[in-house]
Amino acid sequence: MSRPSPPIEPHDELQYLDLIRSILGTGESRPDRTGTGTISLFAPPSLRFSLTNSTLPLITTKKTFIRGIIEELLWFIEGQTDSALLSKRGVKIWDGNGSKEFLEKRGLGHRRAGDLGPVYGFQWRHFGAEYVDADTDYSGKGVDQLRQVIRKIKEDPTDRRIILSAWNPADIPLMALPPCHMMCQFYVHLPSPDEPNAPRRLSCLMYQRSADLGLGIPFNIASYALLTHMIALVTDTKPHELIIQLGDAHVYRDHVDALKIQLNRQPRAFPTLRWKRDITDIEDFTSDDFIIEGYDPHPAIAMKMSV
């Protein structure tokens, strides 16, 4: 058995734990779409995570499903909208929202099970295209925002419109679940005059309208950190920082006891990310390319997903 890593102070994970404490201590009790009930804070201070030195901010106070995070992110990048493809890879996180029962409740019962509609990946890769179903080939249709982001980072790094948006009001009624992490903006830090040959650094600011602190946010932090690392690799920049701004930050009532266990744990050192091979195109990544080193989390804590 590996020995626990020594605590790191100050540790970026403490921001996440402190936010949970704030919600439990001062949050507003609110009903929600799932019927579970939440304790909520609106627009808390931003969470900031360093990505320097290959750092991957993967929550350590409970074991996180990193393989699921990677597979979901690759599924987004592929522009996929079929939850069955993820399920076949052993990642069941979208099964509830893709079930026939859930689709019928959303007024989308004409779709087959697993067809989520024009969710994240579709908007990233085919924004504005007319959605037919999960089996249609959308090659060359709509705006490929992800390609635009990468091109701008390479060719126009001071552009203030390096933005990736999943929020498309016209398509919201067609989605099994409207996007929670709805947009992000990339920022390229240029070398200073004192170090003109220093590498350019890449930061990402993500806005999330609805944030489940127990289950969702550990996924979202790691996912956007990985995306920033991936884009940095293919644009020859260095990952610098991930900033996350939350809108409705909430704790589901049936997660409270589990989170109290988590709050009693001391964060451990974040792992690092290493690449198995050099990659120059965003579509060339596979799950085998991600090598996570030094991840030594506390044990997993079971929490029910509300759908």
C-alpha atoms as a PDB file:
ATOM      1  CA  MET A   1       0.000   0.000   0.000  1.00  0.00           C
ATOM      2  CA  SER A   2       1.344   3.436  -0.907  1.00  0.00           C
ATOM      3  CA  ARG A   3       1.964   5.873   1.922  1.00  0.00           C
ATOM      4  CA  PRO A   4      -0.256   8.978   2.024  1.00  0.00           C
ATOM      5  CA  SER A   5       1.258  12.010   0.357  1.00  0.00           C
ATOM      6  CA  PRO A   6       2.122  14.874   2.719  1.00  0.00           C
ATOM      7  CA  PRO A   7      -0.358  17.780   2.756  1.00  0.00           C
ATOM      8  CA  ILE A   8       0.430  20.653   0.426  1.00  0.00           C
ATOM      9  CA  GLU A   9      -0.154  24.202   1.698  1.00  0.00           C
ATOM     10  CA  PRO A  10      -1.749  26.217   0.291  1.00  0.00           C
ATOM     11  CA  HIS A  11      -3.537  23.567  -1.752  1.00  0.00           C
ATOM     12  CA  ASP A  12      -5.823  24.522  -4.650  1.00  0.00           C
ATOM     13  CA  GLU A  13      -8.299  21.835  -3.588  1.00  0.00           C
ATOM     14  CA  LEU A  14      -9.029  23.787  -0.400  1.00  0.00           C
ATOM     15  CA  GLN A  15     -11.021  26.292  -2.498  1.00  0.00           C
ATOM     16  CA  TYR A  16     -13.397  23.509  -3.475  1.00  0.00           C
ATOM     17  CA  LEU A  17     -13.756  22.237   0.089  1.00  0.00           C
ATOM     18  CA  ASP A  18     -14.245  25.769   1.458  1.00  0.00           C
ATOM     19  CA  LEU A  19     -16.997  26.379  -1.078  1.00  0.00           C
ATOM     20  CA  ILE A  20     -18.824  23.242   0.073  1.00  0.00           C
ATOM     21  CA  ARG A  21     -18.570  24.499   3.671  1.00  0.00           C
ATOM     22  CA  SER A  22     -19.932  27.903   2.633  1.00  0.00           C
ATOM     23  CA  ILE A  23     -22.881  26.312   0.855  1.00  0.00           C
ATOM     24  CA  LEU A  24     -23.706  24.033   3.792  1.00  0.00           C
ATOM     25  CA  GLY A  25     -23.326  26.922   6.244  1.00  0.00           C
ATOM     26  CA  THR A  26     -24.991  29.829   4.458  1.00  0.00           C
ATOM     27  CA  GLY A  27     -26.708  28.431   1.372  1.00  0.00           C
ATOM     28  CA  GLU A  28     -30.353  28.899   0.433  1.00  0.00           C
ATOM     29  CA  SER A  29     -32.706  25.916   0.444  1.00  0.00           C
ATOM     30  CA  ARG A  30     -34.262  25.543  -3.000  1.00  0.00           C
ATOM     31  CA  PRO A  31     -36.422  23.092  -4.915  1.00  0.00           C
ATOM     32  CA  ASP A  32     -34.894  21.812  -8.152  1.00  0.00           C
ATOM     33  CA  ARG A  33     -35.725  20.108 -11.435  1.00  0.00           C
ATOM     34  CA  THR A  34     -34.908  16.612 -10.119  1.00  0.00           C
ATOM     35  CA  GLY A  35     -37.140  16.876  -7.037  1.00  0.00           C
ATOM     36  CA  THR A  36     -34.213  16.092  -4.718  1.00  0.00           C
ATOM     37  CA  GLY A  37     -33.788  19.574  -3.261  1.00  0.00           C
ATOM     38  CA  THR A  38     -30.598  21.601  -2.981  1.00  0.00           C
ATOM     39  CA  ILE A  39     -28.707  24.040  -0.787  1.00  0.00           C
ATOM     40  CA  SER A  40     -27.461  26.781  -3.091  1.00  0.00           C
ATOM     41  CA  LEU A  41     -25.181  29.822  -3.369  1.00  0.00           C
ATOM     42  CA  PHE A  42     -25.215  32.119  -6.378  1.00  0.00           C
ATOM     43  CA  ALA A  43     -22.000  33.333  -8.014  1.00  0.00           C
ATOM     44  CA  PRO A  44     -19.412  32.392  -5.356  1.00  0.00           C
ATOM     45  CA  PRO A  45     -15.792  33.521  -5.823  1.00  0.00           C
ATOM     46  CA  SER A  46     -13.962  31.936  -8.744  1.00  0.00           C
ATOM     47  CA  LEU A  47     -11.974  28.730  -8.299  1.00  0.00           C
ATOM     48  CA  ARG A  48      -8.418  28.932  -9.633  1.00  0.00           C
ATOM     49  CA  PHE A  49      -6.207  25.929 -10.347  1.00  0.00           C
ATOM     50  CA  SER A  50      -2.601  26.016 -11.455  1.00  0.00           C
ATOM     51  CA  LEU A  51      -1.759  23.824 -14.447  1.00  0.00           C
ATOM     52  CA  THR A  52       1.952  24.585 -14.411  1.00  0.00           C
ATOM     53  CA  ASN A  53       4.552  21.816 -14.227  1.00  0.00           C
ATOM     54  CA  SER A  54       2.064  19.394 -15.834  1.00  0.00           C
ATOM     55  CA  THR A  55      -0.269  19.624 -12.813  1.00  0.00           C
ATOM     56  CA  LEU A  56      -3.682  17.991 -13.165  1.00  0.00           C
ATOM     57  CA  PRO A  57      -6.189  19.270 -10.557  1.00  0.00           C
ATOM     58  CA  LEU A  58      -7.863  15.958  -9.879  1.00  0.00           C
ATOM     59  CA  ILE A  59      -9.730  16.019  -6.550  1.00  0.00           C
ATOM     60  CA  THR A  60      -7.878  13.943  -3.935  1.00  0.00           C
ATOM     61  CA  THR A  61     -10.271  13.980  -0.951  1.00  0.00           C
ATOM     62  CA  LYS A  62     -12.173  11.207  -2.723  1.00  0.00           C
ATOM     63  CA  LYS A  63     -11.230   8.936  -5.595  1.00  0.00           C
ATOM     64  CA  THR A  64     -12.371  10.403  -8.914  1.00  0.00           C
ATOM     65  CA  PHE A  65     -13.369   8.388 -11.998  1.00  0.00           C
ATOM     66  CA  ILE A  66     -10.569   9.700 -14.208  1.00  0.00           C
ATOM     67  CA  ARG A  67     -11.135   7.183 -17.002  1.00  0.00           C
ATOM     68  CA  GLY A  68     -14.737   8.350 -17.251  1.00  0.00           C
ATOM     69  CA  ILE A  69     -13.623  11.988 -17.392  1.00  0.00           C
ATOM     70  CA  ILE A  70     -11.191  11.247 -20.223  1.00  0.00           C
ATOM     71  CA  GLU A  71     -13.675   9.175 -22.225  1.00  0.00           C
ATOM     72  CA  GLU A  72     -16.410  11.810 -21.885  1.00  0.00           C
ATOM     73  CA  LEU A  73     -14.033  14.569 -22.995  1.00  0.00           C
ATOM     74  CA  LEU A  74     -12.934  12.586 -26.052  1.00  0.00           C
ATOM     75  CA  TRP A  75     -16.642  11.975 -26.807  1.00  0.00           C
ATOM     76  CA  PHE A  76     -17.235  15.750 -26.688  1.00  0.00           C
ATOM     77  CA  ILE A  77     -14.283  16.379 -29.005  1.00  0.00           C
ATOM     78  CA  GLU A  78     -15.614  13.789 -31.451  1.00  0.00           C
ATOM     79  CA  GLY A  79     -18.864  15.778 -31.606  1.00  0.00           C
ATOM     80  CA  GLN A  80     -20.850  12.743 -30.464  1.00  0.00           C
ATOM     81  CA  THR A  81     -24.365  12.904 -29.010  1.00  0.00           C
ATOM     82  CA  ASP A  82     -25.068   9.196 -28.442  1.00  0.00           C
ATOM     83  CA  SER A  83     -24.764   8.144 -24.795  1.00  0.00           C
ATOM     84  CA  ALA A  84     -24.666   4.484 -25.888  1.00  0.00           C
ATOM     85  CA  LEU A  85     -21.165   5.048 -27.287  1.00  0.00           C
ATOM     86  CA  LEU A  86     -19.952   6.075 -23.830  1.00  0.00           C
ATOM     87  CA  SER A  87     -21.862   3.268 -22.160  1.00  0.00           C
ATOM     88  CA  LYS A  88     -20.092   0.729 -24.379  1.00  0.00           C
ATOM     89  CA  ARG A  89     -16.792   2.127 -23.076  1.00  0.00           C
ATOM     90  CA  GLY A  90     -17.951   1.444 -19.515  1.00  0.00           C
ATOM     91  CA  VAL A  91     -18.892   5.066 -18.792  1.00  0.00           C
ATOM     92  CA  LYS A  92     -22.519   5.205 -17.655  1.00  0.00           C
ATOM     93  CA  ILE A  93     -22.763   8.856 -16.566  1.00  0.00           C
ATOM     94  CA  TRP A  94     -25.175   9.837 -19.345  1.00  0.00           C
ATOM     95  CA  ASP A  95     -27.341   6.700 -19.223  1.00  0.00           C
ATOM     96  CA  GLY A  96     -29.998   8.291 -16.988  1.00  0.00           C
ATOM     97  CA  ASN A  97     -30.420  11.342 -19.214  1.00  0.00           C
ATOM     98  CA  GLY A  98     -30.428   9.151 -22.322  1.00  0.00           C
ATOM     99  CA  SER A  99     -33.039   6.673 -21.138  1.00  0.00           C
ATOM    100  CA  LYS A 100     -36.313   6.423 -23.059  1.00  0.00           C
ATOM    101  CA  GLU A 101     -38.223   7.379 -19.914  1.00  0.00           C
ATOM    102  CA  PHE A 102     -36.184  10.562 -19.416  1.00  0.00           C
ATOM    103  CA  LEU A 103     -36.415  11.541 -23.097  1.00  0.00           C
ATOM    104  CA  GLU A 104     -40.195  11.128 -22.984  1.00  0.00           C
ATOM    105  CA  LYS A 105     -40.375  13.420 -19.936  1.00  0.00           C
ATOM    106  CA  ARG A 106     -38.424  16.025 -21.930  1.00  0.00           C
ATOM    107  CA  GLY A 107     -40.865  15.731 -24.840  1.00  0.00           C
ATOM    108  CA  LEU A 108     -38.245  13.921 -26.919  1.00  0.00           C
ATOM    109  CA  GLY A 109     -39.842  10.483 -26.939  1.00  0.00           C
ATOM    110  CA  HIS A 110     -39.563  10.270 -30.728  1.00  0.00           C
ATOM    111  CA  ARG A 111     -35.812   9.708 -30.298  1.00  0.00           C
ATOM    112  CA  ARG A 112     -34.241   6.345 -29.633  1.00  0.00           C
ATOM    113  CA  ALA A 113     -32.680   5.696 -26.239  1.00  0.00           C
ATOM    114  CA  GLY A 114     -29.234   7.265 -26.031  1.00  0.00           C
ATOM    115  CA  ASP A 115     -29.912  10.088 -28.506  1.00  0.00           C
ATOM    116  CA  LEU A 116     -29.253  13.134 -26.333  1.00  0.00           C
ATOM    117  CA  GLY A 117     -29.821  15.736 -29.024  1.00  0.00           C
ATOM    118  CA  PRO A 118     -27.410  18.587 -29.881  1.00  0.00           C
ATOM    119  CA  VAL A 119     -25.501  18.578 -26.574  1.00  0.00           C
ATOM    120  CA  TYR A 120     -21.913  19.673 -25.823  1.00  0.00           C
ATOM    121  CA  GLY A 121     -19.922  17.956 -28.551  1.00  0.00           C
ATOM    122  CA  PHE A 122     -22.396  18.912 -31.282  1.00  0.00           C
ATOM    123  CA  GLN A 123     -22.191  22.576 -30.278  1.00  0.00           C
ATOM    124  CA  TRP A 124     -18.390  22.489 -30.036  1.00  0.00           C
ATOM    125  CA  ARG A 125     -17.990  21.009 -33.508  1.00  0.00           C
ATOM    126  CA  HIS A 126     -21.192  21.860 -35.464  1.00  0.00           C
ATOM    127  CA  PHE A 127     -22.703  24.989 -33.897  1.00  0.00           C
ATOM    128  CA  GLY A 128     -25.676  26.188 -35.949  1.00  0.00           C
ATOM    129  CA  ALA A 129     -26.128  22.991 -37.961  1.00  0.00           C
ATOM    130  CA  GLU A 130     -29.616  21.507 -38.081  1.00  0.00           C
ATOM    131  CA  TYR A 131     -29.800  18.520 -35.730  1.00  0.00           C
ATOM    132  CA  VAL A 132     -31.447  15.391 -37.127  1.00  0.00           C
ATOM    133  CA  ASP A 133     -30.398  12.545 -34.842  1.00  0.00           C
ATOM    134  CA  ALA A 134     -27.346  10.963 -33.222  1.00  0.00           C
ATOM    135  CA  ASP A 135     -26.684   8.755 -36.247  1.00  0.00           C
ATOM    136  CA  THR A 136     -26.436  11.508 -38.878  1.00  0.00           C
ATOM    137  CA  ASP A 137     -23.061  12.511 -40.339  1.00  0.00           C
ATOM    138  CA  TYR A 138     -22.513  16.236 -39.685  1.00  0.00           C
ATOM    139  CA  SER A 139     -19.089  16.494 -41.341  1.00  0.00           C
ATOM    140  CA  GLY A 140     -18.529  20.018 -42.638  1.00  0.00           C
ATOM    141  CA  LYS A 141     -21.801  21.325 -41.198  1.00  0.00           C
ATOM    142  CA  GLY A 142     -22.110  24.229 -38.782  1.00  0.00           C
ATOM    143  CA  VAL A 143     -19.291  26.133 -37.086  1.00  0.00           C
ATOM    144  CA  ASP A 144     -16.381  24.074 -35.770  1.00  0.00           C
ATOM    145  CA  GLN A 145     -15.693  26.216 -32.706  1.00  0.00           C
ATOM    146  CA  LEU A 146     -12.966  23.914 -31.405  1.00  0.00           C
ATOM    147  CA  ARG A 147     -10.950  24.249 -34.622  1.00  0.00           C
ATOM    148  CA  GLN A 148     -11.473  28.014 -34.521  1.00  0.00           C
ATOM    149  CA  VAL A 149     -10.151  28.184 -30.944  1.00  0.00           C
ATOM    150  CA  ILE A 150      -7.028  26.268 -31.898  1.00  0.00           C
ATOM    151  CA  ARG A 151      -6.435  28.374 -35.008  1.00  0.00           C
ATOM    152  CA  LYS A 152      -6.783  31.638 -33.069  1.00  0.00           C
ATOM    153  CA  ILE A 153      -4.405  30.497 -30.326  1.00  0.00           C
ATOM    154  CA  LYS A 154      -1.814  29.745 -33.006  1.00  0.00           C
ATOM    155  CA  GLU A 155      -2.398  32.669 -35.358  1.00  0.00           C
ATOM    156  CA  ASP A 156      -4.053  35.458 -33.345  1.00  0.00           C
ATOM    157  CA  PRO A 157      -3.156  34.854 -29.685  1.00  0.00           C
ATOM    158  CA  THR A 158      -4.297  38.279 -28.435  1.00  0.00           C
ATOM    159  CA  ASP A 159      -7.818  37.843 -29.829  1.00  0.00           C
ATOM    160  CA  ARG A 160     -10.398  38.442 -27.079  1.00  0.00           C
ATOM    161  CA  ARG A 161     -12.884  36.124 -28.779  1.00  0.00           C
ATOM    162  CA  ILE A 162     -11.180  32.751 -28.300  1.00  0.00           C
ATOM    163  CA  ILE A 163     -14.423  31.278 -27.038  1.00  0.00           C
ATOM    164  CA  LEU A 164     -15.995  27.815 -27.029  1.00  0.00           C
ATOM    165  CA  SER A 165     -19.751  27.888 -26.343  1.00  0.00           C
ATOM    166  CA  ALA A 166     -22.158  25.022 -25.745  1.00  0.00           C
ATOM    167  CA  TRP A 167     -25.097  27.344 -25.036  1.00  0.00           C
ATOM    168  CA  ASN A 168     -27.282  27.642 -28.128  1.00  0.00           C
ATOM    169  CA  PRO A 169     -30.775  28.938 -27.210  1.00  0.00           C
ATOM    170  CA  ALA A 170     -32.313  27.691 -30.460  1.00  0.00           C
ATOM    171  CA  ASP A 171     -31.206  24.120 -29.678  1.00  0.00           C
ATOM    172  CA  ILE A 172     -32.020  23.991 -25.951  1.00  0.00           C
ATOM    173  CA  PRO A 173     -35.496  22.429 -26.508  1.00  0.00           C
ATOM    174  CA  LEU A 174     -33.849  19.639 -28.539  1.00  0.00           C
ATOM    175  CA  MET A 175     -31.360  18.667 -25.819  1.00  0.00           C
ATOM    176  CA  ALA A 176     -31.955  15.940 -23.246  1.00  0.00           C
ATOM    177  CA  LEU A 177     -30.084  18.188 -20.803  1.00  0.00           C
ATOM    178  CA  PRO A 178     -29.090  21.821 -21.465  1.00  0.00           C
ATOM    179  CA  PRO A 179     -25.371  22.437 -20.912  1.00  0.00           C
ATOM    180  CA  CYS A 180     -24.276  23.110 -17.339  1.00  0.00           C
ATOM    181  CA  HIS A 181     -20.674  24.067 -18.209  1.00  0.00           C
ATOM    182  CA  MET A 182     -21.791  26.358 -20.979  1.00  0.00           C
ATOM    183  CA  MET A 183     -18.796  28.286 -22.269  1.00  0.00           C
ATOM    184  CA  CYS A 184     -15.104  28.895 -21.841  1.00  0.00           C
ATOM    185  CA  GLN A 185     -12.600  31.515 -22.985  1.00  0.00           C
ATOM    186  CA  PHE A 186      -8.925  30.919 -23.650  1.00  0.00           C
ATOM    187  CA  TYR A 187      -6.194  33.470 -22.989  1.00  0.00           C
ATOM    188  CA  VAL A 188      -2.641  33.318 -24.289  1.00  0.00           C
ATOM    189  CA  HIS A 189      -0.040  34.897 -21.997  1.00  0.00           C
ATOM    190  CA  LEU A 190       2.736  36.332 -24.155  1.00  0.00           C
ATOM    191  CA  PRO A 191       6.427  36.345 -23.166  1.00  0.00           C
ATOM    192  CA  SER A 192       7.608  39.423 -21.287  1.00  0.00           C
ATOM    193  CA  PRO A 193      10.107  41.824 -22.892  1.00  0.00           C
ATOM    194  CA  ASP A 194      12.677  40.548 -20.391  1.00  0.00           C
ATOM    195  CA  GLU A 195      12.224  36.958 -21.609  1.00  0.00           C
ATOM    196  CA  PRO A 196      11.244  37.233 -25.275  1.00  0.00           C
ATOM    197  CA  ASN A 197      12.068  33.585 -25.954  1.00  0.00           C
ATOM    198  CA  ALA A 198       9.951  32.191 -23.120  1.00  0.00           C
ATOM    199  CA  PRO A 199       7.054  29.941 -24.176  1.00  0.00           C
ATOM    200  CA  ARG A 200       3.561  31.316 -24.504  1.00  0.00           C
ATOM    201  CA  ARG A 201       1.255  30.144 -21.711  1.00  0.00           C
ATOM    202  CA  LEU A 202      -2.397  29.122 -22.017  1.00  0.00           C
ATOM    203  CA  SER A 203      -5.176  29.759 -19.494  1.00  0.00           C
ATOM    204  CA  CYS A 204      -8.863  28.843 -19.602  1.00  0.00           C
ATOM    205  CA  LEU A 205     -11.814  30.564 -17.934  1.00  0.00           C
ATOM    206  CA  MET A 206     -14.953  28.429 -17.783  1.00  0.00           C
ATOM    207  CA  TYR A 207     -18.451  29.567 -16.787  1.00  0.00           C
ATOM    208  CA  GLN A 208     -20.844  26.997 -15.358  1.00  0.00           C
ATOM    209  CA  ARG A 209     -24.498  27.991 -14.873  1.00  0.00           C
ATOM    210  CA  SER A 210     -25.387  24.996 -12.679  1.00  0.00           C
ATOM    211  CA  ALA A 211     -22.815  23.263 -10.491  1.00  0.00           C
ATOM    212  CA  ASP A 212     -23.357  20.080  -8.495  1.00  0.00           C
ATOM    213  CA  LEU A 213     -20.529  20.289  -5.944  1.00  0.00           C
ATOM    214  CA  GLY A 214     -20.692  16.643  -4.904  1.00  0.00           C
ATOM    215  CA  LEU A 215     -20.596  14.763  -8.202  1.00  0.00           C
ATOM    216  CA  GLY A 216     -20.301  17.232 -11.056  1.00  0.00           C
ATOM    217  CA  ILE A 217     -17.637  19.759 -10.110  1.00  0.00           C
ATOM    218  CA  PRO A 218     -14.783  17.251  -9.544  1.00  0.00           C
ATOM    219  CA  PHE A 219     -15.508  15.993 -13.100  1.00  0.00           C
ATOM    220  CA  ASN A 220     -15.727  19.504 -14.539  1.00  0.00           C
ATOM    221  CA  ILE A 221     -12.485  20.736 -12.962  1.00  0.00           C
ATOM    222  CA  ALA A 222     -10.536  17.774 -14.286  1.00  0.00           C
ATOM    223  CA  SER A 223     -12.240  17.838 -17.700  1.00  0.00           C
ATOM    224  CA  TYR A 224     -11.466  21.482 -18.473  1.00  0.00           C
ATOM    225  CA  ALA A 225      -7.961  21.098 -17.069  1.00  0.00           C
ATOM    226  CA  LEU A 226      -7.432  18.170 -19.459  1.00  0.00           C
ATOM    227  CA  LEU A 227      -8.910  20.127 -22.362  1.00  0.00           C
ATOM    228  CA  THR A 228      -6.539  23.014 -21.646  1.00  0.00           C
ATOM    229  CA  HIS A 229      -3.575  20.633 -21.487  1.00  0.00           C
ATOM    230  CA  MET A 230      -4.658  19.056 -24.792  1.00  0.00           C
ATOM    231  CA  ILE A 231      -5.087  22.365 -26.589  1.00  0.00           C
ATOM    232  CA  ALA A 232      -1.772  23.581 -25.187  1.00  0.00           C
ATOM    233  CA  LEU A 233      -0.048  20.517 -26.604  1.00  0.00           C
ATOM    234  CA  VAL A 234      -1.425  20.996 -30.129  1.00  0.00           C
ATOM    235  CA  THR A 235      -0.774  24.772 -30.123  1.00  0.00           C
ATOM    236  CA  ASP A 236       2.773  24.590 -28.715  1.00  0.00           C
ATOM    237  CA  THR A 237       1.872  26.592 -25.596  1.00  0.00           C
ATOM    238  CA  LYS A 238       2.345  25.778 -21.908  1.00  0.00           C
ATOM    239  CA  PRO A 239      -0.685  25.133 -19.662  1.00  0.00           C
ATOM    240  CA  HIS A 240      -0.897  27.891 -17.065  1.00  0.00           C
ATOM    241  CA  GLU A 241      -4.199  28.201 -15.172  1.00  0.00           C
ATOM    242  CA  LEU A 242      -7.819  27.045 -15.092  1.00  0.00           C
ATOM    243  CA  ILE A 243     -10.352  29.477 -13.651  1.00  0.00           C
ATOM    244  CA  ILE A 244     -13.945  28.391 -13.024  1.00  0.00           C
ATOM    245  CA  GLN A 245     -16.822  30.780 -12.333  1.00  0.00           C
ATOM    246  CA  LEU A 246     -20.018  29.195 -11.046  1.00  0.00           C
ATOM    247  CA  GLY A 247     -23.572  30.495 -11.249  1.00  0.00           C
ATOM    248  CA  ASP A 248     -25.906  28.328  -9.141  1.00  0.00           C
ATOM    249  CA  ALA A 249     -23.435  26.396  -6.972  1.00  0.00           C
ATOM    250  CA  HIS A 250     -25.354  23.771  -5.048  1.00  0.00           C
ATOM    251  CA  VAL A 251     -25.235  20.673  -2.892  1.00  0.00           C
ATOM    252  CA  TYR A 252     -27.972  18.080  -3.312  1.00  0.00           C
ATOM    253  CA  ARG A 253     -29.612  17.268   0.014  1.00  0.00           C
ATOM    254  CA  ASP A 254     -28.884  13.564  -0.330  1.00  0.00           C
ATOM    255  CA  HIS A 255     -25.147  14.354  -0.699  1.00  0.00           C
ATOM    256  CA  VAL A 256     -24.790  16.255   2.589  1.00  0.00           C
ATOM    257  CA  ASP A 257     -23.706  13.332   4.773  1.00  0.00           C
ATOM    258  CA  ALA A 258     -21.197  12.094   2.201  1.00  0.00           C
ATOM    259  CA  LEU A 259     -19.722  15.570   1.768  1.00  0.00           C
ATOM    260  CA  LYS A 260     -19.297  15.940   5.528  1.00  0.00           C
ATOM    261  CA  ILE A 261     -17.073  12.842   5.396  1.00  0.00           C
ATOM    262  CA  GLN A 262     -15.103  14.371   2.544  1.00  0.00           C
ATOM    263  CA  LEU A 263     -14.666  17.680   4.392  1.00  0.00           C
ATOM    264  CA  ASN A 264     -12.826  15.869   7.191  1.00  0.00           C
ATOM    265  CA  ARG A 265     -10.111  14.695   4.814  1.00  0.00           C
ATOM    266  CA  GLN A 266      -6.840  16.437   4.100  1.00  0.00           C
ATOM    267  CA  PRO A 267      -6.029  17.123   0.427  1.00  0.00           C
ATOM    268  CA  ARG A 268      -3.013  15.333  -1.003  1.00  0.00           C
ATOM    269  CA  ALA A 269      -0.677  16.402  -3.773  1.00  0.00           C
ATOM    270  CA  PHE A 270      -2.309  16.697  -7.181  1.00  0.00           C
ATOM    271  CA  PRO A 271      -1.112  14.232  -9.830  1.00  0.00           C
ATOM    272  CA  THR A 272       0.696  15.209 -13.009  1.00  0.00           C
ATOM    273  CA  LEU A 273      -0.189  14.558 -16.630  1.00  0.00           C
ATOM    274  CA  ARG A 274       2.251  13.090 -19.110  1.00  0.00           C
ATOM    275  CA  TRP A 275       1.649  12.317 -22.757  1.00  0.00           C
ATOM    276  CA  LYS A 276       2.421   8.896 -24.197  1.00  0.00           C
ATOM    277  CA  ARG A 277       3.335  10.442 -27.554  1.00  0.00           C
ATOM    278  CA  ASP A 278       3.584  13.783 -29.306  1.00  0.00           C
ATOM    279  CA  ILE A 279       0.249  14.846 -30.820  1.00  0.00           C
ATOM    280  CA  THR A 280      -0.359  17.750 -33.182  1.00  0.00           C
ATOM    281  CA  ASP A 281      -4.079  17.391 -33.987  1.00  0.00           C
ATOM    282  CA  ILE A 282      -6.905  17.629 -31.452  1.00  0.00           C
ATOM    283  CA  GLU A 283      -8.744  14.689 -33.043  1.00  0.00           C
ATOM    284  CA  ASP A 284      -5.793  12.308 -32.717  1.00  0.00           C
ATOM    285  CA  PHE A 285      -5.973  11.804 -28.936  1.00  0.00           C
ATOM    286  CA  THR A 286      -6.981   8.396 -27.597  1.00  0.00           C
ATOM    287  CA  SER A 287      -7.579   7.361 -24.004  1.00  0.00           C
ATOM    288  CA  ASP A 288      -4.212   5.563 -23.985  1.00  0.00           C
ATOM    289  CA  ASP A 289      -2.374   8.870 -24.545  1.00  0.00           C
ATOM    290  CA  PHE A 290      -3.181  10.189 -21.049  1.00  0.00           C
ATOM    291  CA  ILE A 291      -0.683   9.085 -18.405  1.00  0.00           C
ATOM    292  CA  ILE A 292      -1.683  10.237 -14.905  1.00  0.00           C
ATOM    293  CA  GLU A 293       1.184   9.993 -12.443  1.00  0.00           C
ATOM    294  CA  GLY A 294       1.154  10.313  -8.661  1.00  0.00           C
ATOM    295  CA  TYR A 295      -2.588  10.151  -8.069  1.00  0.00           C
ATOM    296  CA  ASP A 296      -2.991   9.059  -4.434  1.00  0.00           C
ATOM    297  CA  PRO A 297      -6.584   9.907  -3.445  1.00  0.00           C
ATOM    298  CA  HIS A 298      -8.613   9.071  -0.382  1.00  0.00           C
ATOM    299  CA  PRO A 299     -11.194   6.290  -0.921  1.00  0.00           C
ATOM    300  CA  ALA A 300     -14.264   6.841  -3.096  1.00  0.00           C
ATOM    301  CA  ILE A 301     -17.473   8.143  -1.506  1.00  0.00           C
ATOM    302  CA  ALA A 302     -20.768   6.964  -2.984  1.00  0.00           C
ATOM    303  CA  MET A 303     -23.189   9.712  -4.054  1.00  0.00           C
ATOM    304  CA  LYS A 304     -26.415   9.262  -6.004  1.00  0.00           C
ATOM    305  CA  MET A 305     -26.799  11.113  -9.300  1.00  0.00           C
ATOM    306  CA  SER A 306     -30.036  13.098  -9.535  1.00  0.00           C
ATOM    307  CA  VAL A 307     -31.681  13.085 -12.964  1.00  0.00           C
END
